[in-house]
Amino acid sequence: MKLLFDHNLSPRLVQLLADLHPNSQHVFSLGMEQANDQQIWDYAAQSDFIIVTRDSDYNDLSLIRGFPPKVIWIRRGNCSTQEMSIG
């Protein structure tokens, strides 16, 4: 399972979760820091990624467009990157 981490999550999650989810990426490492939600959605769908985000917009896109890609919507409050990777 390849994860694509959205702008609102730390790029460090890619390395912290590499043993569980190899080949995962962050939008920054792909040069997509200026990409909008629709562009990220299309890239994830074409490249077989699951989007990981704190942004409810992806949940809305999922309801409208279906999948792929699947979306993991993190609804946890403020927490550290370390807490995010284990929790």
PDB file of N, CA and C in Angstrom:
ATOM      1  N   MET A   1       0.845  -1.166   0.000  1.00  0.00           N
ATOM      2  CA  MET A   1       0.000   0.000   0.000  1.00  0.00           C
ATOM      3  C   MET A   1       0.897   1.237   0.000  1.00  0.00           C
ATOM      4  N   LYS A   2       0.820   2.035  -1.065  1.00  0.00           N
ATOM      5  CA  LYS A   2       1.595   3.270  -1.175  1.00  0.00           C
ATOM      6  C   LYS A   2       0.742   4.435  -0.687  1.00  0.00           C
ATOM      7  N   LEU A   3       1.325   5.217   0.205  1.00  0.00           N
ATOM      8  CA  LEU A   3       0.619   6.361   0.755  1.00  0.00           C
ATOM      9  C   LEU A   3       1.159   7.643   0.126  1.00  0.00           C
ATOM     10  N   LEU A   4       0.264   8.585  -0.118  1.00  0.00           N
ATOM     11  CA  LEU A   4       0.646   9.914  -0.583  1.00  0.00           C
ATOM     12  C   LEU A   4       0.205  10.913   0.480  1.00  0.00           C
ATOM     13  N   PHE A   5       1.184  11.494   1.174  1.00  0.00           N
ATOM     14  CA  PHE A   5       0.898  12.414   2.271  1.00  0.00           C
ATOM     15  C   PHE A   5       0.662  13.815   1.728  1.00  0.00           C
ATOM     16  N   ASP A   6      -0.412  14.422   2.169  1.00  0.00           N
ATOM     17  CA  ASP A   6      -0.826  15.746   1.730  1.00  0.00           C
ATOM     18  C   ASP A   6      -0.005  16.838   2.414  1.00  0.00           C
ATOM     19  N   HIS A   7      -0.166  18.067   1.915  1.00  0.00           N
ATOM     20  CA  HIS A   7       0.540  19.249   2.419  1.00  0.00           C
ATOM     21  C   HIS A   7       0.478  19.383   3.937  1.00  0.00           C
ATOM     22  N   ASN A   8      -0.648  19.044   4.515  1.00  0.00           N
ATOM     23  CA  ASN A   8      -0.891  19.327   5.929  1.00  0.00           C
ATOM     24  C   ASN A   8      -0.297  18.290   6.877  1.00  0.00           C
ATOM     25  N   LEU A   9       0.482  17.371   6.341  1.00  0.00           N
ATOM     26  CA  LEU A   9       1.167  16.368   7.162  1.00  0.00           C
ATOM     27  C   LEU A   9       2.673  16.486   6.948  1.00  0.00           C
ATOM     28  N   SER A  10       3.418  16.104   7.943  1.00  0.00           N
ATOM     29  CA  SER A  10       4.870  16.231   7.886  1.00  0.00           C
ATOM     30  C   SER A  10       5.487  15.300   6.836  1.00  0.00           C
ATOM     31  N   PRO A  11       6.433  15.807   6.058  1.00  0.00           N
ATOM     32  CA  PRO A  11       7.161  14.942   5.113  1.00  0.00           C
ATOM     33  C   PRO A  11       7.945  13.834   5.826  1.00  0.00           C
ATOM     34  N   ARG A  12       8.234  14.025   7.104  1.00  0.00           N
ATOM     35  CA  ARG A  12       8.970  13.000   7.861  1.00  0.00           C
ATOM     36  C   ARG A  12       8.187  11.699   8.004  1.00  0.00           C
ATOM     37  N   LEU A  13       6.880  11.751   7.834  1.00  0.00           N
ATOM     38  CA  LEU A  13       6.073  10.527   7.942  1.00  0.00           C
ATOM     39  C   LEU A  13       6.474   9.487   6.896  1.00  0.00           C
ATOM     40  N   VAL A  14       6.950   9.934   5.753  1.00  0.00           N
ATOM     41  CA  VAL A  14       7.374   8.990   4.709  1.00  0.00           C
ATOM     42  C   VAL A  14       8.465   8.072   5.253  1.00  0.00           C
ATOM     43  N   GLN A  15       9.483   8.651   5.893  1.00  0.00           N
ATOM     44  CA  GLN A  15      10.570   7.851   6.445  1.00  0.00           C
ATOM     45  C   GLN A  15      10.148   7.068   7.682  1.00  0.00           C
ATOM     46  N   LEU A  16       9.342   7.687   8.529  1.00  0.00           N
ATOM     47  CA  LEU A  16       8.910   7.000   9.749  1.00  0.00           C
ATOM     48  C   LEU A  16       8.072   5.761   9.457  1.00  0.00           C
ATOM     49  N   LEU A  17       7.361   5.762   8.333  1.00  0.00           N
ATOM     50  CA  LEU A  17       6.484   4.636   7.993  1.00  0.00           C
ATOM     51  C   LEU A  17       7.010   3.794   6.823  1.00  0.00           C
ATOM     52  N   ALA A  18       8.259   4.037   6.426  1.00  0.00           N
ATOM     53  CA  ALA A  18       8.822   3.363   5.245  1.00  0.00           C
ATOM     54  C   ALA A  18       8.849   1.843   5.375  1.00  0.00           C
ATOM     55  N   ASP A  19       9.062   1.329   6.562  1.00  0.00           N
ATOM     56  CA  ASP A  19       9.095  -0.122   6.725  1.00  0.00           C
ATOM     57  C   ASP A  19       7.715  -0.747   6.544  1.00  0.00           C
ATOM     58  N   LEU A  20       6.670  -0.022   6.896  1.00  0.00           N
ATOM     59  CA  LEU A  20       5.297  -0.531   6.744  1.00  0.00           C
ATOM     60  C   LEU A  20       4.692  -0.213   5.381  1.00  0.00           C
ATOM     61  N   HIS A  21       5.079   0.941   4.822  1.00  0.00           N
ATOM     62  CA  HIS A  21       4.493   1.413   3.564  1.00  0.00           C
ATOM     63  C   HIS A  21       5.594   1.902   2.616  1.00  0.00           C
ATOM     64  N   PRO A  22       6.387   0.974   2.093  1.00  0.00           N
ATOM     65  CA  PRO A  22       7.456   1.384   1.176  1.00  0.00           C
ATOM     66  C   PRO A  22       6.863   2.045  -0.070  1.00  0.00           C
ATOM     67  N   ASN A  23       7.662   2.883  -0.707  1.00  0.00           N
ATOM     68  CA  ASN A  23       7.281   3.598  -1.929  1.00  0.00           C
ATOM     69  C   ASN A  23       6.246   4.688  -1.687  1.00  0.00           C
ATOM     70  N   SER A  24       6.002   5.021  -0.432  1.00  0.00           N
ATOM     71  CA  SER A  24       5.109   6.137  -0.133  1.00  0.00           C
ATOM     72  C   SER A  24       5.843   7.439  -0.443  1.00  0.00           C
ATOM     73  N   GLN A  25       5.075   8.514  -0.625  1.00  0.00           N
ATOM     74  CA  GLN A  25       5.644   9.807  -0.994  1.00  0.00           C
ATOM     75  C   GLN A  25       4.909  10.924  -0.268  1.00  0.00           C
ATOM     76  N   HIS A  26       5.505  12.086  -0.295  1.00  0.00           N
ATOM     77  CA  HIS A  26       4.866  13.307   0.188  1.00  0.00           C
ATOM     78  C   HIS A  26       4.739  14.238  -1.007  1.00  0.00           C
ATOM     79  N   VAL A  27       3.693  15.038  -1.054  1.00  0.00           N
ATOM     80  CA  VAL A  27       3.502  15.927  -2.201  1.00  0.00           C
ATOM     81  C   VAL A  27       4.708  16.839  -2.413  1.00  0.00           C
ATOM     82  N   PHE A  28       5.413  17.235  -1.364  1.00  0.00           N
ATOM     83  CA  PHE A  28       6.594  18.089  -1.511  1.00  0.00           C
ATOM     84  C   PHE A  28       7.694  17.375  -2.291  1.00  0.00           C
ATOM     85  N   SER A  29       7.933  16.111  -1.971  1.00  0.00           N
ATOM     86  CA  SER A  29       9.017  15.374  -2.644  1.00  0.00           C
ATOM     87  C   SER A  29       8.702  15.113  -4.113  1.00  0.00           C
ATOM     88  N   LEU A  30       7.441  15.230  -4.485  1.00  0.00           N
ATOM     89  CA  LEU A  30       7.032  15.040  -5.875  1.00  0.00           C
ATOM     90  C   LEU A  30       6.952  16.363  -6.636  1.00  0.00           C
ATOM     91  N   GLY A  31       7.321  17.462  -5.974  1.00  0.00           N
ATOM     92  CA  GLY A  31       7.246  18.770  -6.610  1.00  0.00           C
ATOM     93  C   GLY A  31       5.822  19.269  -6.774  1.00  0.00           C
ATOM     94  N   MET A  32       4.925  18.776  -5.933  1.00  0.00           N
ATOM     95  CA  MET A  32       3.507  19.143  -6.037  1.00  0.00           C
ATOM     96  C   MET A  32       3.075  20.076  -4.907  1.00  0.00           C
ATOM     97  N   GLU A  33       4.023  20.857  -4.382  1.00  0.00           N
ATOM     98  CA  GLU A  33       3.676  21.732  -3.253  1.00  0.00           C
ATOM     99  C   GLU A  33       2.659  22.807  -3.625  1.00  0.00           C
ATOM    100  N   GLN A  34       2.542  23.136  -4.906  1.00  0.00           N
ATOM    101  CA  GLN A  34       1.564  24.132  -5.347  1.00  0.00           C
ATOM    102  C   GLN A  34       0.313  23.483  -5.954  1.00  0.00           C
ATOM    103  N   ALA A  35       0.265  22.166  -5.969  1.00  0.00           N
ATOM    104  CA  ALA A  35      -0.863  21.457  -6.591  1.00  0.00           C
ATOM    105  C   ALA A  35      -2.129  21.621  -5.758  1.00  0.00           C
ATOM    106  N   ASN A  36      -3.251  21.706  -6.449  1.00  0.00           N
ATOM    107  CA  ASN A  36      -4.525  21.772  -5.742  1.00  0.00           C
ATOM    108  C   ASN A  36      -5.038  20.361  -5.462  1.00  0.00           C
ATOM    109  N   ASP A  37      -6.119  20.278  -4.719  1.00  0.00           N
ATOM    110  CA  ASP A  37      -6.659  18.972  -4.319  1.00  0.00           C
ATOM    111  C   ASP A  37      -6.989  18.095  -5.526  1.00  0.00           C
ATOM    112  N   GLN A  38      -7.564  18.669  -6.549  1.00  0.00           N
ATOM    113  CA  GLN A  38      -7.944  17.903  -7.736  1.00  0.00           C
ATOM    114  C   GLN A  38      -6.716  17.325  -8.443  1.00  0.00           C
ATOM    115  N   GLN A  39      -5.645  18.094  -8.536  1.00  0.00           N
ATOM    116  CA  GLN A  39      -4.416  17.609  -9.171  1.00  0.00           C
ATOM    117  C   GLN A  39      -3.799  16.467  -8.361  1.00  0.00           C
ATOM    118  N   ILE A  40      -3.801  16.621  -7.051  1.00  0.00           N
ATOM    119  CA  ILE A  40      -3.272  15.559  -6.190  1.00  0.00           C
ATOM    120  C   ILE A  40      -4.149  14.314  -6.295  1.00  0.00           C
ATOM    121  N   TRP A  41      -5.456  14.506  -6.317  1.00  0.00           N
ATOM    122  CA  TRP A  41      -6.399  13.395  -6.473  1.00  0.00           C
ATOM    123  C   TRP A  41      -6.104  12.622  -7.761  1.00  0.00           C
ATOM    124  N   ASP A  42      -5.973  13.345  -8.865  1.00  0.00           N
ATOM    125  CA  ASP A  42      -5.725  12.708 -10.163  1.00  0.00           C
ATOM    126  C   ASP A  42      -4.400  11.971 -10.173  1.00  0.00           C
ATOM    127  N   TYR A  43      -3.363  12.581  -9.603  1.00  0.00           N
ATOM    128  CA  TYR A  43      -2.055  11.929  -9.546  1.00  0.00           C
ATOM    129  C   TYR A  43      -2.140  10.640  -8.723  1.00  0.00           C
ATOM    130  N   ALA A  44      -2.778  10.712  -7.568  1.00  0.00           N
ATOM    131  CA  ALA A  44      -2.906   9.534  -6.706  1.00  0.00           C
ATOM    132  C   ALA A  44      -3.657   8.410  -7.421  1.00  0.00           C
ATOM    133  N   ALA A  45      -4.720   8.759  -8.120  1.00  0.00           N
ATOM    134  CA  ALA A  45      -5.514   7.756  -8.834  1.00  0.00           C
ATOM    135  C   ALA A  45      -4.688   7.096  -9.942  1.00  0.00           C
ATOM    136  N   GLN A  46      -3.933   7.886 -10.675  1.00  0.00           N
ATOM    137  CA  GLN A  46      -3.136   7.362 -11.789  1.00  0.00           C
ATOM    138  C   GLN A  46      -1.927   6.561 -11.324  1.00  0.00           C
ATOM    139  N   SER A  47      -1.433   6.871 -10.138  1.00  0.00           N
ATOM    140  CA  SER A  47      -0.193   6.258  -9.653  1.00  0.00           C
ATOM    141  C   SER A  47      -0.412   5.245  -8.547  1.00  0.00           C
ATOM    142  N   ASP A  48      -1.668   4.892  -8.284  1.00  0.00           N
ATOM    143  CA  ASP A  48      -2.010   3.855  -7.309  1.00  0.00           C
ATOM    144  C   ASP A  48      -1.582   4.195  -5.877  1.00  0.00           C
ATOM    145  N   PHE A  49      -1.840   5.435  -5.477  1.00  0.00           N
ATOM    146  CA  PHE A  49      -1.580   5.881  -4.110  1.00  0.00           C
ATOM    147  C   PHE A  49      -2.881   5.968  -3.328  1.00  0.00           C
ATOM    148  N   ILE A  50      -2.765   5.875  -2.017  1.00  0.00           N
ATOM    149  CA  ILE A  50      -3.838   6.205  -1.092  1.00  0.00           C
ATOM    150  C   ILE A  50      -3.472   7.566  -0.503  1.00  0.00           C
ATOM    151  N   ILE A  51      -4.379   8.514  -0.563  1.00  0.00           N
ATOM    152  CA  ILE A  51      -4.119   9.855  -0.041  1.00  0.00           C
ATOM    153  C   ILE A  51      -4.312   9.854   1.474  1.00  0.00           C
ATOM    154  N   VAL A  52      -3.325  10.404   2.187  1.00  0.00           N
ATOM    155  CA  VAL A  52      -3.415  10.568   3.633  1.00  0.00           C
ATOM    156  C   VAL A  52      -3.445  12.070   3.896  1.00  0.00           C
ATOM    157  N   THR A  53      -4.464  12.532   4.606  1.00  0.00           N
ATOM    158  CA  THR A  53      -4.668  13.969   4.760  1.00  0.00           C
ATOM    159  C   THR A  53      -5.402  14.302   6.043  1.00  0.00           C
ATOM    160  N   ARG A  54      -5.360  15.576   6.391  1.00  0.00           N
ATOM    161  CA  ARG A  54      -6.204  16.119   7.454  1.00  0.00           C
ATOM    162  C   ARG A  54      -7.302  16.978   6.845  1.00  0.00           C
ATOM    163  N   ASP A  55      -7.353  17.046   5.541  1.00  0.00           N
ATOM    164  CA  ASP A  55      -8.237  17.932   4.792  1.00  0.00           C
ATOM    165  C   ASP A  55      -9.558  17.227   4.463  1.00  0.00           C
ATOM    166  N   SER A  56     -10.656  17.790   4.902  1.00  0.00           N
ATOM    167  CA  SER A  56     -11.970  17.180   4.642  1.00  0.00           C
ATOM    168  C   SER A  56     -12.352  17.240   3.170  1.00  0.00           C
ATOM    169  N   ASP A  57     -11.689  18.093   2.382  1.00  0.00           N
ATOM    170  CA  ASP A  57     -12.018  18.204   0.959  1.00  0.00           C
ATOM    171  C   ASP A  57     -11.841  16.881   0.223  1.00  0.00           C
ATOM    172  N   TYR A  58     -10.857  16.094   0.619  1.00  0.00           N
ATOM    173  CA  TYR A  58     -10.647  14.804  -0.046  1.00  0.00           C
ATOM    174  C   TYR A  58     -11.781  13.832   0.272  1.00  0.00           C
ATOM    175  N   ASN A  59     -12.308  13.922   1.469  1.00  0.00           N
ATOM    176  CA  ASN A  59     -13.461  13.097   1.800  1.00  0.00           C
ATOM    177  C   ASN A  59     -14.636  13.476   0.908  1.00  0.00           C
ATOM    178  N   ASP A  60     -14.824  14.768   0.687  1.00  0.00           N
ATOM    179  CA  ASP A  60     -15.892  15.235  -0.198  1.00  0.00           C
ATOM    180  C   ASP A  60     -15.675  14.733  -1.627  1.00  0.00           C
ATOM    181  N   LEU A  61     -14.437  14.812  -2.113  1.00  0.00           N
ATOM    182  CA  LEU A  61     -14.139  14.303  -3.452  1.00  0.00           C
ATOM    183  C   LEU A  61     -14.426  12.811  -3.555  1.00  0.00           C
ATOM    184  N   SER A  62     -14.103  12.097  -2.495  1.00  0.00           N
ATOM    185  CA  SER A  62     -14.345  10.660  -2.477  1.00  0.00           C
ATOM    186  C   SER A  62     -15.832  10.347  -2.578  1.00  0.00           C
ATOM    187  N   LEU A  63     -16.658  11.133  -1.903  1.00  0.00           N
ATOM    188  CA  LEU A  63     -18.107  10.924  -1.965  1.00  0.00           C
ATOM    189  C   LEU A  63     -18.662  11.232  -3.361  1.00  0.00           C
ATOM    190  N   ILE A  64     -18.094  12.223  -4.003  1.00  0.00           N
ATOM    191  CA  ILE A  64     -18.558  12.635  -5.331  1.00  0.00           C
ATOM    192  C   ILE A  64     -18.025  11.721  -6.434  1.00  0.00           C
ATOM    193  N   ARG A  65     -16.733  11.415  -6.375  1.00  0.00           N
ATOM    194  CA  ARG A  65     -16.077  10.716  -7.480  1.00  0.00           C
ATOM    195  C   ARG A  65     -15.843   9.232  -7.241  1.00  0.00           C
ATOM    196  N   GLY A  66     -16.021   8.768  -6.016  1.00  0.00           N
ATOM    197  CA  GLY A  66     -15.722   7.365  -5.730  1.00  0.00           C
ATOM    198  C   GLY A  66     -14.217   7.150  -5.673  1.00  0.00           C
ATOM    199  N   PHE A  67     -13.806   5.921  -5.868  1.00  0.00           N
ATOM    200  CA  PHE A  67     -12.373   5.644  -5.835  1.00  0.00           C
ATOM    201  C   PHE A  67     -12.008   4.742  -6.989  1.00  0.00           C
ATOM    202  N   PRO A  68     -10.747   4.685  -7.419  1.00  0.00           N
ATOM    203  CA  PRO A  68      -9.578   5.212  -6.720  1.00  0.00           C
ATOM    204  C   PRO A  68      -9.449   6.715  -6.867  1.00  0.00           C
ATOM    205  N   PRO A  69      -8.637   7.305  -6.037  1.00  0.00           N
ATOM    206  CA  PRO A  69      -7.879   6.710  -4.936  1.00  0.00           C
ATOM    207  C   PRO A  69      -8.716   6.629  -3.667  1.00  0.00           C
ATOM    208  N   LYS A  70      -8.261   5.802  -2.778  1.00  0.00           N
ATOM    209  CA  LYS A  70      -8.856   5.777  -1.453  1.00  0.00           C
ATOM    210  C   LYS A  70      -8.255   6.928  -0.647  1.00  0.00           C
ATOM    211  N   VAL A  71      -8.936   7.290   0.416  1.00  0.00           N
ATOM    212  CA  VAL A  71      -8.506   8.420   1.242  1.00  0.00           C
ATOM    213  C   VAL A  71      -8.492   7.995   2.708  1.00  0.00           C
ATOM    214  N   ILE A  72      -7.401   8.321   3.380  1.00  0.00           N
ATOM    215  CA  ILE A  72      -7.332   8.187   4.831  1.00  0.00           C
ATOM    216  C   ILE A  72      -7.398   9.605   5.375  1.00  0.00           C
ATOM    217  N   TRP A  73      -8.516   9.912   6.028  1.00  0.00           N
ATOM    218  CA  TRP A  73      -8.751  11.248   6.567  1.00  0.00           C
ATOM    219  C   TRP A  73      -8.439  11.215   8.050  1.00  0.00           C
ATOM    220  N   ILE A  74      -7.360  11.859   8.449  1.00  0.00           N
ATOM    221  CA  ILE A  74      -6.945  11.900   9.848  1.00  0.00           C
ATOM    222  C   ILE A  74      -7.676  13.042  10.526  1.00  0.00           C
ATOM    223  N   ARG A  75      -8.470  12.694  11.494  1.00  0.00           N
ATOM    224  CA  ARG A  75      -9.292  13.700  12.173  1.00  0.00           C
ATOM    225  C   ARG A  75      -8.824  13.941  13.595  1.00  0.00           C
ATOM    226  N   ARG A  76      -7.631  13.523  13.906  1.00  0.00           N
ATOM    227  CA  ARG A  76      -7.049  13.711  15.228  1.00  0.00           C
ATOM    228  C   ARG A  76      -6.588  15.157  15.382  1.00  0.00           C
ATOM    229  N   GLY A  77      -6.715  15.702  16.565  1.00  0.00           N
ATOM    230  CA  GLY A  77      -6.289  17.075  16.838  1.00  0.00           C
ATOM    231  C   GLY A  77      -4.786  17.233  16.744  1.00  0.00           C
ATOM    232  N   ASN A  78      -4.286  18.343  17.212  1.00  0.00           N
ATOM    233  CA  ASN A  78      -2.858  18.619  17.163  1.00  0.00           C
ATOM    234  C   ASN A  78      -2.082  17.521  17.869  1.00  0.00           C
ATOM    235  N   CYS A  79      -1.056  17.040  17.177  1.00  0.00           N
ATOM    236  CA  CYS A  79      -0.199  16.021  17.752  1.00  0.00           C
ATOM    237  C   CYS A  79       1.137  16.061  17.013  1.00  0.00           C
ATOM    238  N   SER A  80       2.141  15.452  17.589  1.00  0.00           N
ATOM    239  CA  SER A  80       3.462  15.445  16.977  1.00  0.00           C
ATOM    240  C   SER A  80       3.496  14.441  15.822  1.00  0.00           C
ATOM    241  N   THR A  81       4.518  14.585  14.997  1.00  0.00           N
ATOM    242  CA  THR A  81       4.729  13.637  13.902  1.00  0.00           C
ATOM    243  C   THR A  81       4.939  12.234  14.454  1.00  0.00           C
ATOM    244  N   GLN A  82       5.682  12.129  15.536  1.00  0.00           N
ATOM    245  CA  GLN A  82       5.928  10.828  16.167  1.00  0.00           C
ATOM    246  C   GLN A  82       4.615  10.198  16.627  1.00  0.00           C
ATOM    247  N   GLU A  83       3.757  10.962  17.268  1.00  0.00           N
ATOM    248  CA  GLU A  83       2.468  10.443  17.707  1.00  0.00           C
ATOM    249  C   GLU A  83       1.627  10.002  16.515  1.00  0.00           C
ATOM    250  N   MET A  84       1.706  10.729  15.414  1.00  0.00           N
ATOM    251  CA  MET A  84       0.965  10.392  14.218  1.00  0.00           C
ATOM    252  C   MET A  84       1.420   9.058  13.636  1.00  0.00           C
ATOM    253  N   SER A  85       2.724   8.796  13.687  1.00  0.00           N
ATOM    254  CA  SER A  85       3.259   7.588  13.065  1.00  0.00           C
ATOM    255  C   SER A  85       3.002   6.335  13.890  1.00  0.00           C
ATOM    256  N   ILE A  86       2.718   6.484  15.174  1.00  0.00           N
ATOM    257  CA  ILE A  86       2.476   5.297  15.995  1.00  0.00           C
ATOM    258  C   ILE A  86       1.023   5.174  16.418  1.00  0.00           C
ATOM    259  N   GLY A  87       0.280   6.235  16.283  1.00  0.00           N
ATOM    260  CA  GLY A  87      -0.983   6.238  16.907  1.00  0.00           C
ATOM    261  C   GLY A  87      -2.203   6.114  16.189  1.00  0.00           C
TER     262      GLY A  87
END
